[in-house]
Amino acid sequence: MPVQDRAKVFACLKSIEDMGLDSPRVQLRQIKGKLWEIKVRATVGYRIFYVLLQKEVLVLLHAYQKQSQKAPAKELAIAEKRMLEVIHHANDYLDGCD
């Protein structure tokens, strides 16, 4: 990933950390159930799948470079598998988040 693209991805994630999911710099889309994606526009498009465990606890699951209109089945399968693992082990992620 080019340096300027990494900077845009970082800025997007930092904006979420600072301002929450309502940040005007962030585009979000629900994919299916608890699975969501963050859209990042850079020299190319990037997508970051995530799950929200609690209001303040967002777990990034998988990222990929967008190459078509629809998310490839392979990328979705990776994200869904990881989401199920995260949900199954949610207490491990939430320890110390209070």
Protein backbone atom coordinates (compact mmCIF):
# COMPACT_ATOMS: atom_id res chain seq x y z
CA MET A 1 0.00 0.00 0.00
CA PRO A 2 1.45 3.38 -0.96
CA VAL A 3 2.45 5.72 1.87
CA GLN A 4 -0.24 8.30 1.05
CA ASP A 5 -2.91 5.57 1.10
CA ARG A 6 -1.68 4.31 4.48
CA ALA A 7 -1.91 7.88 5.75
CA LYS A 8 -5.54 8.16 4.58
CA VAL A 9 -6.49 4.84 6.18
CA PHE A 10 -4.79 5.90 9.42
CA ALA A 11 -6.54 9.31 9.32
CA CYS A 12 -9.90 7.60 8.85
CA LEU A 13 -9.32 5.25 11.79
CA LYS A 14 -7.98 8.10 13.93
CA SER A 15 -11.11 10.11 13.13
CA ILE A 16 -13.24 7.22 14.39
CA GLU A 17 -11.15 6.99 17.54
CA ASP A 18 -11.44 10.75 18.18
CA MET A 19 -15.01 11.45 17.06
CA GLY A 20 -16.74 8.08 16.98
CA LEU A 21 -18.66 6.48 14.14
CA ASP A 22 -20.53 9.74 13.52
CA SER A 23 -17.35 11.39 12.26
CA PRO A 24 -18.01 13.34 9.05
CA ARG A 25 -14.77 11.92 7.60
CA VAL A 26 -16.05 8.35 7.73
CA GLN A 27 -18.32 6.42 5.37
CA LEU A 28 -19.87 3.28 6.83
CA ARG A 29 -22.14 0.60 5.44
CA GLN A 30 -23.85 -2.35 7.07
CA ILE A 31 -22.99 -5.51 5.19
CA LYS A 32 -24.96 -8.18 7.02
CA GLY A 33 -26.14 -8.46 10.61
CA LYS A 34 -23.35 -7.19 12.87
CA LEU A 35 -20.83 -7.00 10.02
CA TRP A 36 -20.05 -3.46 8.83
CA GLU A 37 -17.51 -1.86 6.55
CA ILE A 38 -15.54 1.36 6.61
CA LYS A 39 -15.00 2.90 3.18
CA VAL A 40 -11.68 4.64 2.63
CA ARG A 41 -11.03 6.62 -0.54
CA ALA A 42 -7.38 7.02 -1.47
CA THR A 43 -5.56 6.50 -4.79
CA VAL A 44 -7.72 3.36 -4.85
CA GLY A 45 -10.61 2.32 -2.64
CA TYR A 46 -10.08 0.31 0.53
CA ARG A 47 -12.63 -1.45 2.67
CA ILE A 48 -12.21 -2.42 6.31
CA PHE A 49 -14.69 -4.85 7.81
CA TYR A 50 -15.50 -4.47 11.49
CA VAL A 51 -17.87 -5.54 14.23
CA LEU A 52 -19.09 -3.36 17.08
CA LEU A 53 -18.98 -5.29 20.36
CA GLN A 54 -20.12 -2.38 22.51
CA LYS A 55 -20.75 1.29 21.85
CA GLU A 56 -17.07 2.12 22.35
CA VAL A 57 -15.50 -1.20 21.26
CA LEU A 58 -14.96 -1.64 17.55
CA VAL A 59 -12.93 -4.65 16.33
CA LEU A 60 -11.34 -4.45 12.89
CA LEU A 61 -11.68 -7.82 11.17
CA HIS A 62 -10.25 -7.62 7.66
CA ALA A 63 -9.22 -5.06 5.06
CA TYR A 64 -8.82 -5.29 1.31
CA GLN A 65 -8.28 -3.13 -1.75
CA LYS A 66 -11.53 -2.56 -3.61
CA GLN A 67 -11.45 -3.67 -7.23
CA SER A 68 -15.10 -4.06 -8.17
CA GLN A 69 -18.56 -2.83 -7.23
CA LYS A 70 -19.33 -5.82 -5.03
CA ALA A 71 -17.23 -7.18 -2.19
CA PRO A 72 -15.63 -10.45 -3.33
CA ALA A 73 -17.08 -13.56 -1.67
CA LYS A 74 -13.59 -14.53 -0.46
CA GLU A 75 -13.15 -11.22 1.40
CA LEU A 76 -16.63 -11.48 2.94
CA ALA A 77 -15.99 -15.06 4.04
CA ILE A 78 -12.78 -14.03 5.82
CA ALA A 79 -14.56 -11.17 7.60
CA GLU A 80 -17.56 -13.29 8.59
CA LYS A 81 -15.34 -16.07 9.97
CA ARG A 82 -13.34 -13.58 12.02
CA MET A 83 -16.51 -11.86 13.21
CA LEU A 84 -17.87 -15.14 14.56
CA GLU A 85 -14.57 -15.80 16.36
CA VAL A 86 -14.61 -12.30 17.87
CA ILE A 87 -18.22 -12.59 19.01
CA HIS A 88 -17.53 -16.04 20.47
CA HIS A 89 -14.57 -14.64 22.44
CA ALA A 90 -16.11 -11.21 23.13
CA ASN A 91 -15.28 -11.31 26.83
CA ASP A 92 -11.57 -11.57 25.98
CA TYR A 93 -11.84 -8.39 23.90
CA LEU A 94 -13.91 -6.56 26.49
CA ASP A 95 -11.70 -7.28 29.53
CA GLY A 96 -10.22 -3.98 30.64
CA CYS A 97 -12.45 -1.85 28.40
CA ASP A 98 -14.40 -0.31 31.28
